[in-house]
Structure formats: C-alpha cells, structure tokens
Amino acid sequence: MSFLIDNKKNFVKYPQKTKWLFFLRSLNLKNSFSNLILLN
C-alpha cells in the first residue's frame, strides 16, 4: 500500500499523471486478483 502514500505526495505536483497511474495500478490489481480467482 506504499504507492498510496507516494501518490498523495506527488498528487500536488502531477495530478493528472498520478490519477492515471493510480487508475492503471488499480486495474492491474483487479486483473491480478481476478486471475487468482480464475486459477483457483
């Protein structure tokens, strides 16, 4: 969860970029989570 803290730090400097990165990361987390479910 450390990336959440990093995002808060960078959010002021690069709002759009961090929003996009955060979105991509959450998508990756969801995908890996669903992959785990499919594998099980």
Protein backbone atom coordinates (compact mmCIF):
# COMPACT_ATOMS: atom_id res chain seq x y z
CA MET A 1 0.00 0.00 0.00
CA SER A 2 3.01 2.28 -0.05
CA PHE A 3 2.12 3.54 -3.53
CA LEU A 4 -0.94 5.23 -1.99
CA ILE A 5 1.35 7.36 0.15
CA ASP A 6 3.57 8.11 -2.83
CA ASN A 7 0.55 9.18 -4.82
CA LYS A 8 -0.52 11.62 -2.14
CA LYS A 9 2.94 13.21 -2.20
CA ASN A 10 3.02 13.50 -5.98
CA PHE A 11 -0.61 14.41 -6.38
CA VAL A 12 0.04 18.12 -5.90
CA LYS A 13 2.82 18.20 -8.46
CA TYR A 14 1.35 15.88 -11.06
CA PRO A 15 -2.38 15.48 -10.50
CA GLN A 16 -3.27 14.12 -13.92
CA LYS A 17 -0.28 11.84 -14.15
CA THR A 18 -0.81 10.31 -10.73
CA LYS A 19 -4.51 9.88 -11.32
CA TRP A 20 -3.72 7.99 -14.49
CA LEU A 21 -1.01 5.90 -12.83
CA PHE A 22 -3.27 5.16 -9.91
CA PHE A 23 -6.01 4.11 -12.30
CA LEU A 24 -3.68 1.79 -14.18
CA ARG A 25 -2.37 0.32 -10.94
CA SER A 26 -5.86 -0.34 -9.62
CA LEU A 27 -6.71 -2.02 -12.93
CA ASN A 28 -3.63 -4.20 -12.60
CA LEU A 29 -4.60 -5.11 -9.06
CA LYS A 30 -8.11 -6.02 -10.14
CA ASN A 31 -6.80 -8.08 -13.03
CA SER A 32 -4.32 -9.99 -10.92
CA PHE A 33 -6.99 -10.55 -8.30
CA SER A 34 -9.44 -11.96 -10.84
CA ASN A 35 -6.63 -14.07 -12.29
CA LEU A 36 -6.05 -15.58 -8.86
CA ILE A 37 -9.73 -16.39 -8.59
CA LEU A 38 -9.72 -17.96 -12.05
CA LEU A 39 -6.65 -20.01 -11.20
CA ASN A 40 -8.24 -21.27 -8.03
